[in-house]
Amino acid sequence: MSDYRVLVLTCDPYLECLKPFAWLFNKYWSSEQPVLVGGFTPPDFQLPDNFEFISIGANWEYPAARYSTGLIKFLRRIQDDVFVFMLEDQWLNGRVELSEIQTCIDVARSTNNLLRIDMIDDRRYMNEFTFGKVEPYRTVNGIEFIKSHWCPYEFAIYGTLFNRAKMLKYVQPELDPWTLETHTTNVIEHERDRCVVLGTTRKLIPCANGLRQQNKYYVQGIRGIDAAEIEGGITEEDKREMTGLGLYDEEKLMRYAKR
């Protein structure tokens, strides 16, 4: 049994996404890994045994413009020192090596002033794009960690490991998810000596965007549906199996995704 949890923050319109999320998570991560879902109205379907759902209030009190306020409330309901944070439409499409995630957890717990560890290798891409290089930090159990250089999206909520206390220090209320990332990035830019952001040189959480965004809204469709055979999508085999189990319904996903 791992000594950490995976946290997911959702809302009522996206509860349907939890069906494929949970099935793919247990297939590619582990059905023994504890997952805590924070949301509003409890789902009217059963989640796997390793998933727990807690309600943090009424959905209407936390529209997208108040996403960070709901996030803060969620974080204050828990005591985890570090955790992996994922989104309900972040669907796994490849095997997660449990020992690698545990290594990241251990590094997080032993790194002073750590805010987060990016586990989908965006820090490598961003630093290479912005500065043309990455700065090595440490290599632990074969994982090359790099130190980020204060470039775009130093703070991000997609596929990342967070230090809870540090996250609560920097996340400000009344922000939508997109402003949360950009605004918090600007805030921590002035905290370079007191806020460490790390990344890895390769993707440790293989995943696909379940919903595609346009103009800050999920309106265009399911990437796993319209790009299953393109790198980054979920597989046709997984799609067929989840459909047969009643866990993957394009009509429902599209209906709830639209605003």
C-alpha atoms as a PDB file:
ATOM      1  CA  MET A   1       0.000   0.000   0.000  1.00  0.00           C
ATOM      2  CA  SER A   2       1.354   3.437  -0.931  1.00  0.00           C
ATOM      3  CA  ASP A   3       1.839   6.138   1.686  1.00  0.00           C
ATOM      4  CA  TYR A   4       0.194   8.908  -0.329  1.00  0.00           C
ATOM      5  CA  ARG A   5      -3.125   9.655  -2.012  1.00  0.00           C
ATOM      6  CA  VAL A   6      -4.157  10.871  -5.433  1.00  0.00           C
ATOM      7  CA  LEU A   7      -6.532  13.849  -5.202  1.00  0.00           C
ATOM      8  CA  VAL A   8      -9.100  14.832  -7.825  1.00  0.00           C
ATOM      9  CA  LEU A   9     -11.292  17.944  -7.735  1.00  0.00           C
ATOM     10  CA  THR A  10     -14.426  17.778  -9.861  1.00  0.00           C
ATOM     11  CA  CYS A  11     -17.804  19.469 -10.283  1.00  0.00           C
ATOM     12  CA  ASP A  12     -21.322  18.316 -11.108  1.00  0.00           C
ATOM     13  CA  PRO A  13     -21.162  18.827 -14.916  1.00  0.00           C
ATOM     14  CA  TYR A  14     -18.086  16.592 -15.135  1.00  0.00           C
ATOM     15  CA  LEU A  15     -19.070  13.735 -12.834  1.00  0.00           C
ATOM     16  CA  GLU A  16     -19.574  11.554 -15.915  1.00  0.00           C
ATOM     17  CA  CYS A  17     -15.841  11.866 -16.584  1.00  0.00           C
ATOM     18  CA  LEU A  18     -15.141   9.976 -13.373  1.00  0.00           C
ATOM     19  CA  LYS A  19     -16.384   6.747 -14.960  1.00  0.00           C
ATOM     20  CA  PRO A  20     -13.611   6.440 -17.566  1.00  0.00           C
ATOM     21  CA  PHE A  21     -11.149   8.157 -15.225  1.00  0.00           C
ATOM     22  CA  ALA A  22     -11.610   5.547 -12.497  1.00  0.00           C
ATOM     23  CA  TRP A  23     -11.583   2.536 -14.846  1.00  0.00           C
ATOM     24  CA  LEU A  24      -8.436   3.691 -16.651  1.00  0.00           C
ATOM     25  CA  PHE A  25      -6.797   4.688 -13.376  1.00  0.00           C
ATOM     26  CA  ASN A  26      -7.261   1.250 -11.872  1.00  0.00           C
ATOM     27  CA  LYS A  27      -6.082  -0.438 -15.064  1.00  0.00           C
ATOM     28  CA  TYR A  28      -2.910   1.592 -15.540  1.00  0.00           C
ATOM     29  CA  TRP A  29      -2.087   2.741 -11.991  1.00  0.00           C
ATOM     30  CA  SER A  30      -3.473   0.382  -9.354  1.00  0.00           C
ATOM     31  CA  SER A  31      -6.793  -0.648  -7.881  1.00  0.00           C
ATOM     32  CA  GLU A  32      -5.020  -0.533  -4.499  1.00  0.00           C
ATOM     33  CA  GLN A  33      -4.025   3.131  -4.807  1.00  0.00           C
ATOM     34  CA  PRO A  34      -6.211   5.401  -2.602  1.00  0.00           C
ATOM     35  CA  VAL A  35      -7.918   8.182  -4.565  1.00  0.00           C
ATOM     36  CA  LEU A  36      -9.850  11.010  -2.912  1.00  0.00           C
ATOM     37  CA  VAL A  37     -12.348  12.877  -5.089  1.00  0.00           C
ATOM     38  CA  GLY A  38     -13.565  16.261  -3.899  1.00  0.00           C
ATOM     39  CA  GLY A  39     -16.764  17.529  -5.471  1.00  0.00           C
ATOM     40  CA  PHE A  40     -20.259  18.745  -4.755  1.00  0.00           C
ATOM     41  CA  THR A  41     -23.215  16.438  -5.497  1.00  0.00           C
ATOM     42  CA  PRO A  42     -22.143  12.828  -4.900  1.00  0.00           C
ATOM     43  CA  PRO A  43     -22.257  10.762  -8.110  1.00  0.00           C
ATOM     44  CA  ASP A  44     -25.314   8.586  -8.672  1.00  0.00           C
ATOM     45  CA  PHE A  45     -23.064   5.702  -9.718  1.00  0.00           C
ATOM     46  CA  GLN A  46     -20.657   3.593  -7.695  1.00  0.00           C
ATOM     47  CA  LEU A  47     -16.970   4.387  -7.744  1.00  0.00           C
ATOM     48  CA  PRO A  48     -14.363   1.638  -7.275  1.00  0.00           C
ATOM     49  CA  ASP A  49     -13.497   0.585  -3.733  1.00  0.00           C
ATOM     50  CA  ASN A  50     -10.206   2.503  -3.737  1.00  0.00           C
ATOM     51  CA  PHE A  51     -12.046   5.762  -4.530  1.00  0.00           C
ATOM     52  CA  GLU A  52     -13.560   7.994  -1.852  1.00  0.00           C
ATOM     53  CA  PHE A  53     -15.829  10.967  -2.610  1.00  0.00           C
ATOM     54  CA  ILE A  54     -16.311  13.917  -0.277  1.00  0.00           C
ATOM     55  CA  SER A  55     -18.632  16.869  -0.827  1.00  0.00           C
ATOM     56  CA  ILE A  56     -17.270  20.349  -0.158  1.00  0.00           C
ATOM     57  CA  GLY A  57     -20.555  22.183  -0.666  1.00  0.00           C
ATOM     58  CA  ALA A  58     -23.181  23.030  -3.256  1.00  0.00           C
ATOM     59  CA  ASN A  59     -22.044  23.221  -6.867  1.00  0.00           C
ATOM     60  CA  TRP A  60     -23.798  26.550  -7.514  1.00  0.00           C
ATOM     61  CA  GLU A  61     -21.635  28.179  -4.842  1.00  0.00           C
ATOM     62  CA  TYR A  62     -18.474  27.337  -6.769  1.00  0.00           C
ATOM     63  CA  PRO A  63     -18.794  28.249 -10.464  1.00  0.00           C
ATOM     64  CA  ALA A  64     -15.701  28.127 -12.656  1.00  0.00           C
ATOM     65  CA  ALA A  65     -14.855  31.700 -11.653  1.00  0.00           C
ATOM     66  CA  ARG A  66     -14.462  30.496  -8.042  1.00  0.00           C
ATOM     67  CA  TYR A  67     -12.522  27.317  -8.806  1.00  0.00           C
ATOM     68  CA  SER A  68      -9.623  28.198  -6.514  1.00  0.00           C
ATOM     69  CA  THR A  69     -12.000  28.880  -3.617  1.00  0.00           C
ATOM     70  CA  GLY A  70     -13.331  25.328  -3.898  1.00  0.00           C
ATOM     71  CA  LEU A  71      -9.791  24.012  -4.193  1.00  0.00           C
ATOM     72  CA  ILE A  72      -8.756  25.782  -0.986  1.00  0.00           C
ATOM     73  CA  LYS A  73     -11.759  24.365   0.853  1.00  0.00           C
ATOM     74  CA  PHE A  74     -10.879  20.876  -0.417  1.00  0.00           C
ATOM     75  CA  LEU A  75      -7.264  21.209   0.738  1.00  0.00           C
ATOM     76  CA  ARG A  76      -8.365  22.340   4.185  1.00  0.00           C
ATOM     77  CA  ARG A  77     -10.459  19.187   4.553  1.00  0.00           C
ATOM     78  CA  ILE A  78      -7.380  16.950   4.348  1.00  0.00           C
ATOM     79  CA  GLN A  79      -4.134  16.500   6.252  1.00  0.00           C
ATOM     80  CA  ASP A  80      -1.928  14.959   3.529  1.00  0.00           C
ATOM     81  CA  ASP A  81       1.562  16.473   3.498  1.00  0.00           C
ATOM     82  CA  VAL A  82       2.093  15.692  -0.185  1.00  0.00           C
ATOM     83  CA  PHE A  83      -0.193  14.227  -2.837  1.00  0.00           C
ATOM     84  CA  VAL A  84      -0.599  13.716  -6.575  1.00  0.00           C
ATOM     85  CA  PHE A  85      -3.217  16.038  -8.088  1.00  0.00           C
ATOM     86  CA  MET A  86      -5.151  15.055 -11.211  1.00  0.00           C
ATOM     87  CA  LEU A  87      -8.206  16.272 -13.087  1.00  0.00           C
ATOM     88  CA  GLU A  88     -11.276  14.150 -13.753  1.00  0.00           C
ATOM     89  CA  ASP A  89     -10.694  14.366 -17.512  1.00  0.00           C
ATOM     90  CA  GLN A  90      -7.036  13.393 -17.242  1.00  0.00           C
ATOM     91  CA  TRP A  91      -7.386   9.818 -18.451  1.00  0.00           C
ATOM     92  CA  LEU A  92      -4.480   7.391 -18.233  1.00  0.00           C
ATOM     93  CA  ASN A  93      -3.418   5.719 -21.465  1.00  0.00           C
ATOM     94  CA  GLY A  94      -0.280   3.888 -20.359  1.00  0.00           C
ATOM     95  CA  ARG A  95       1.206   2.020 -17.442  1.00  0.00           C
ATOM     96  CA  VAL A  96       2.246   4.037 -14.394  1.00  0.00           C
ATOM     97  CA  GLU A  97       5.306   2.656 -12.611  1.00  0.00           C
ATOM     98  CA  LEU A  98       4.378   2.693  -8.935  1.00  0.00           C
ATOM     99  CA  SER A  99       7.986   2.759  -7.762  1.00  0.00           C
ATOM    100  CA  GLU A 100       8.601   5.923  -9.787  1.00  0.00           C
ATOM    101  CA  ILE A 101       5.653   7.715  -8.227  1.00  0.00           C
ATOM    102  CA  GLN A 102       6.863   6.679  -4.775  1.00  0.00           C
ATOM    103  CA  THR A 103      10.319   8.030  -5.607  1.00  0.00           C
ATOM    104  CA  CYS A 104       8.745  11.389  -6.454  1.00  0.00           C
ATOM    105  CA  ILE A 105       6.812  11.327  -3.188  1.00  0.00           C
ATOM    106  CA  ASP A 106      10.027  10.640  -1.273  1.00  0.00           C
ATOM    107  CA  VAL A 107      11.879  13.430  -3.085  1.00  0.00           C
ATOM    108  CA  ALA A 108       9.030  15.831  -2.357  1.00  0.00           C
ATOM    109  CA  ARG A 109       9.157  15.028   1.342  1.00  0.00           C
ATOM    110  CA  SER A 110      12.902  15.558   1.503  1.00  0.00           C
ATOM    111  CA  THR A 111      13.133  18.782  -0.532  1.00  0.00           C
ATOM    112  CA  ASN A 112      13.005  22.041   1.404  1.00  0.00           C
ATOM    113  CA  ASN A 113      10.561  24.694   0.140  1.00  0.00           C
ATOM    114  CA  LEU A 114       9.146  22.386  -2.539  1.00  0.00           C
ATOM    115  CA  LEU A 115       5.846  23.504  -4.072  1.00  0.00           C
ATOM    116  CA  ARG A 116       5.400  20.815  -6.710  1.00  0.00           C
ATOM    117  CA  ILE A 117       6.950  18.229  -8.997  1.00  0.00           C
ATOM    118  CA  ASP A 118       5.656  18.218 -12.571  1.00  0.00           C
ATOM    119  CA  MET A 119       5.124  14.565 -13.524  1.00  0.00           C
ATOM    120  CA  ILE A 120       4.127  14.978 -17.171  1.00  0.00           C
ATOM    121  CA  ASP A 121       7.475  16.536 -18.298  1.00  0.00           C
ATOM    122  CA  ASP A 122       6.077  19.994 -19.115  1.00  0.00           C
ATOM    123  CA  ARG A 123       8.937  21.567 -17.133  1.00  0.00           C
ATOM    124  CA  ARG A 124      11.442  20.012 -19.506  1.00  0.00           C
ATOM    125  CA  TYR A 125       9.593  21.295 -22.576  1.00  0.00           C
ATOM    126  CA  MET A 126       9.014  24.751 -21.110  1.00  0.00           C
ATOM    127  CA  ASN A 127      12.608  25.199 -20.007  1.00  0.00           C
ATOM    128  CA  GLU A 128      13.994  23.935 -23.303  1.00  0.00           C
ATOM    129  CA  PHE A 129      11.629  26.244 -25.207  1.00  0.00           C
ATOM    130  CA  THR A 130      12.310  29.298 -23.030  1.00  0.00           C
ATOM    131  CA  PHE A 131      15.992  28.881 -22.206  1.00  0.00           C
ATOM    132  CA  GLY A 132      17.204  26.192 -24.586  1.00  0.00           C
ATOM    133  CA  LYS A 133      18.304  23.986 -21.698  1.00  0.00           C
ATOM    134  CA  VAL A 134      17.307  22.347 -18.445  1.00  0.00           C
ATOM    135  CA  GLU A 135      19.129  22.486 -15.117  1.00  0.00           C
ATOM    136  CA  PRO A 136      19.750  19.075 -13.525  1.00  0.00           C
ATOM    137  CA  TYR A 137      18.676  18.804  -9.899  1.00  0.00           C
ATOM    138  CA  ARG A 138      19.124  15.204  -8.762  1.00  0.00           C
ATOM    139  CA  THR A 139      18.908  11.699 -10.155  1.00  0.00           C
ATOM    140  CA  VAL A 140      17.093   9.343  -7.813  1.00  0.00           C
ATOM    141  CA  ASN A 141      16.350   5.700  -8.633  1.00  0.00           C
ATOM    142  CA  GLY A 142      16.935   6.405 -12.311  1.00  0.00           C
ATOM    143  CA  ILE A 143      14.608   9.433 -12.458  1.00  0.00           C
ATOM    144  CA  GLU A 144      16.283  12.646 -13.604  1.00  0.00           C
ATOM    145  CA  PHE A 145      14.806  15.595 -11.743  1.00  0.00           C
ATOM    146  CA  ILE A 146      15.322  19.085 -13.107  1.00  0.00           C
ATOM    147  CA  LYS A 147      14.933  22.483 -11.480  1.00  0.00           C
ATOM    148  CA  SER A 148      12.539  24.773 -13.262  1.00  0.00           C
ATOM    149  CA  HIS A 149      13.655  28.234 -14.368  1.00  0.00           C
ATOM    150  CA  TRP A 150      10.558  30.347 -13.714  1.00  0.00           C
ATOM    151  CA  CYS A 151       9.034  30.116 -17.139  1.00  0.00           C
ATOM    152  CA  PRO A 152       5.349  29.831 -18.152  1.00  0.00           C
ATOM    153  CA  TYR A 153       3.091  27.671 -15.979  1.00  0.00           C
ATOM    154  CA  GLU A 154       5.434  27.209 -13.048  1.00  0.00           C
ATOM    155  CA  PHE A 155       2.181  26.567 -11.241  1.00  0.00           C
ATOM    156  CA  ALA A 156      -0.100  24.054 -12.960  1.00  0.00           C
ATOM    157  CA  ILE A 157      -2.769  21.632 -11.779  1.00  0.00           C
ATOM    158  CA  TYR A 158      -2.446  18.957 -14.463  1.00  0.00           C
ATOM    159  CA  GLY A 159      -0.595  15.790 -13.479  1.00  0.00           C
ATOM    160  CA  THR A 160       1.530  17.145 -10.681  1.00  0.00           C
ATOM    161  CA  LEU A 161       2.654  16.353  -7.166  1.00  0.00           C
ATOM    162  CA  PHE A 162       2.023  19.071  -4.580  1.00  0.00           C
ATOM    163  CA  ASN A 163       3.175  19.978  -1.117  1.00  0.00           C
ATOM    164  CA  ARG A 164      -0.120  20.819   0.565  1.00  0.00           C
ATOM    165  CA  ALA A 165       1.152  23.522   2.959  1.00  0.00           C
ATOM    166  CA  LYS A 166       3.039  25.321   0.207  1.00  0.00           C
ATOM    167  CA  MET A 167       0.072  25.069  -2.150  1.00  0.00           C
ATOM    168  CA  LEU A 168      -2.238  26.629   0.428  1.00  0.00           C
ATOM    169  CA  LYS A 169       0.260  29.436   0.940  1.00  0.00           C
ATOM    170  CA  TYR A 170       0.235  30.513  -2.692  1.00  0.00           C
ATOM    171  CA  VAL A 171      -3.227  29.666  -4.032  1.00  0.00           C
ATOM    172  CA  GLN A 172      -5.499  32.694  -3.774  1.00  0.00           C
ATOM    173  CA  PRO A 173      -9.316  32.526  -3.772  1.00  0.00           C
ATOM    174  CA  GLU A 174     -11.829  33.601  -6.420  1.00  0.00           C
ATOM    175  CA  LEU A 175      -9.848  32.511  -9.490  1.00  0.00           C
ATOM    176  CA  ASP A 176     -10.922  30.341 -12.413  1.00  0.00           C
ATOM    177  CA  PRO A 177      -8.666  27.354 -13.267  1.00  0.00           C
ATOM    178  CA  TRP A 178      -6.792  29.165 -16.036  1.00  0.00           C
ATOM    179  CA  THR A 179      -6.169  32.352 -14.068  1.00  0.00           C
ATOM    180  CA  LEU A 180      -5.205  30.219 -11.080  1.00  0.00           C
ATOM    181  CA  GLU A 181      -2.266  28.840 -13.033  1.00  0.00           C
ATOM    182  CA  THR A 182      -1.101  32.105 -14.605  1.00  0.00           C
ATOM    183  CA  HIS A 183      -1.667  34.289 -11.548  1.00  0.00           C
ATOM    184  CA  THR A 184       0.016  31.878  -9.147  1.00  0.00           C
ATOM    185  CA  THR A 185       2.936  31.542 -11.548  1.00  0.00           C
ATOM    186  CA  ASN A 186       3.394  35.309 -11.333  1.00  0.00           C
ATOM    187  CA  VAL A 187       3.160  35.238  -7.537  1.00  0.00           C
ATOM    188  CA  ILE A 188       5.782  32.542  -7.035  1.00  0.00           C
ATOM    189  CA  GLU A 189       8.098  34.199  -9.563  1.00  0.00           C
ATOM    190  CA  HIS A 190       9.009  36.593  -6.753  1.00  0.00           C
ATOM    191  CA  GLU A 191       9.629  33.729  -4.320  1.00  0.00           C
ATOM    192  CA  ARG A 192      12.521  32.048  -6.105  1.00  0.00           C
ATOM    193  CA  ASP A 193      14.520  31.438  -2.932  1.00  0.00           C
ATOM    194  CA  ARG A 194      11.526  30.161  -0.996  1.00  0.00           C
ATOM    195  CA  CYS A 195       9.596  28.139  -3.561  1.00  0.00           C
ATOM    196  CA  VAL A 196      11.062  25.186  -5.463  1.00  0.00           C
ATOM    197  CA  VAL A 197       9.428  23.726  -8.581  1.00  0.00           C
ATOM    198  CA  LEU A 198      10.878  20.529 -10.022  1.00  0.00           C
ATOM    199  CA  GLY A 199      10.201  18.522 -13.130  1.00  0.00           C
ATOM    200  CA  THR A 200      11.318  15.273 -14.702  1.00  0.00           C
ATOM    201  CA  THR A 201      12.975  14.593 -18.037  1.00  0.00           C
ATOM    202  CA  ARG A 202      10.298  12.094 -19.048  1.00  0.00           C
ATOM    203  CA  LYS A 203       6.570  11.639 -18.566  1.00  0.00           C
ATOM    204  CA  LEU A 204       5.808   9.612 -15.447  1.00  0.00           C
ATOM    205  CA  ILE A 205       2.015   9.822 -15.763  1.00  0.00           C
ATOM    206  CA  PRO A 206       1.002   8.798 -19.326  1.00  0.00           C
ATOM    207  CA  CYS A 207      -2.346  10.452 -19.920  1.00  0.00           C
ATOM    208  CA  ALA A 208      -4.734  12.005 -22.411  1.00  0.00           C
ATOM    209  CA  ASN A 209      -6.946  15.063 -22.153  1.00  0.00           C
ATOM    210  CA  GLY A 210     -10.410  13.585 -21.927  1.00  0.00           C
ATOM    211  CA  LEU A 211     -12.098  16.826 -22.922  1.00  0.00           C
ATOM    212  CA  ARG A 212     -10.765  19.355 -25.392  1.00  0.00           C
ATOM    213  CA  GLN A 213     -10.895  23.019 -24.495  1.00  0.00           C
ATOM    214  CA  GLN A 214     -11.820  26.058 -26.552  1.00  0.00           C
ATOM    215  CA  ASN A 215     -12.010  29.584 -25.182  1.00  0.00           C
ATOM    216  CA  LYS A 216     -11.716  28.255 -21.638  1.00  0.00           C
ATOM    217  CA  TYR A 217     -14.714  25.944 -22.016  1.00  0.00           C
ATOM    218  CA  TYR A 218     -15.029  22.225 -22.678  1.00  0.00           C
ATOM    219  CA  VAL A 219     -17.116  22.352 -25.820  1.00  0.00           C
ATOM    220  CA  GLN A 220     -15.326  20.574 -28.647  1.00  0.00           C
ATOM    221  CA  GLY A 221     -15.574  16.968 -27.635  1.00  0.00           C
ATOM    222  CA  ILE A 222     -13.688  14.087 -26.147  1.00  0.00           C
ATOM    223  CA  ARG A 223     -10.105  13.692 -27.282  1.00  0.00           C
ATOM    224  CA  GLY A 224     -10.276   9.995 -26.477  1.00  0.00           C
ATOM    225  CA  ILE A 225     -13.189   9.750 -28.900  1.00  0.00           C
ATOM    226  CA  ASP A 226     -12.006  11.839 -31.816  1.00  0.00           C
ATOM    227  CA  ALA A 227      -8.271  11.163 -31.603  1.00  0.00           C
ATOM    228  CA  ALA A 228      -7.978   7.699 -30.108  1.00  0.00           C
ATOM    229  CA  GLU A 229      -5.288   6.522 -32.500  1.00  0.00           C
ATOM    230  CA  ILE A 230      -3.301   9.750 -32.398  1.00  0.00           C
ATOM    231  CA  GLU A 231      -0.447   9.896 -29.891  1.00  0.00           C
ATOM    232  CA  GLY A 232      -1.915  11.251 -26.680  1.00  0.00           C
ATOM    233  CA  GLY A 233      -5.384   9.751 -27.004  1.00  0.00           C
ATOM    234  CA  ILE A 234      -6.785   6.679 -25.297  1.00  0.00           C
ATOM    235  CA  THR A 235      -6.822   3.405 -27.195  1.00  0.00           C
ATOM    236  CA  GLU A 236      -9.682   1.992 -29.225  1.00  0.00           C
ATOM    237  CA  GLU A 237      -9.459  -1.179 -27.137  1.00  0.00           C
ATOM    238  CA  ASP A 238      -9.994   0.744 -23.911  1.00  0.00           C
ATOM    239  CA  LYS A 239     -12.790   2.712 -25.526  1.00  0.00           C
ATOM    240  CA  ARG A 240     -14.607  -0.443 -26.647  1.00  0.00           C
ATOM    241  CA  GLU A 241     -14.219  -2.165 -23.295  1.00  0.00           C
ATOM    242  CA  MET A 242     -15.468   0.836 -21.309  1.00  0.00           C
ATOM    243  CA  THR A 243     -18.389   1.262 -23.706  1.00  0.00           C
ATOM    244  CA  GLY A 244     -19.357  -2.355 -23.173  1.00  0.00           C
ATOM    245  CA  LEU A 245     -19.242  -1.840 -19.418  1.00  0.00           C
ATOM    246  CA  GLY A 246     -21.428   1.254 -19.653  1.00  0.00           C
ATOM    247  CA  LEU A 247     -18.625   3.526 -18.495  1.00  0.00           C
ATOM    248  CA  TYR A 248     -18.022   5.419 -21.710  1.00  0.00           C
ATOM    249  CA  ASP A 249     -21.006   7.188 -23.210  1.00  0.00           C
ATOM    250  CA  GLU A 250     -20.125   9.861 -25.742  1.00  0.00           C
ATOM    251  CA  GLU A 251     -23.593  11.394 -25.684  1.00  0.00           C
ATOM    252  CA  LYS A 252     -23.553  11.843 -21.911  1.00  0.00           C
ATOM    253  CA  LEU A 253     -19.999  13.128 -21.871  1.00  0.00           C
ATOM    254  CA  MET A 254     -20.775  15.676 -24.559  1.00  0.00           C
ATOM    255  CA  ARG A 255     -24.032  16.744 -22.932  1.00  0.00           C
ATOM    256  CA  TYR A 256     -22.453  17.389 -19.555  1.00  0.00           C
ATOM    257  CA  ALA A 257     -19.330  18.920 -21.034  1.00  0.00           C
ATOM    258  CA  LYS A 258     -21.214  21.681 -22.814  1.00  0.00           C
ATOM    259  CA  ARG A 259     -21.913  24.878 -20.900  1.00  0.00           C
END
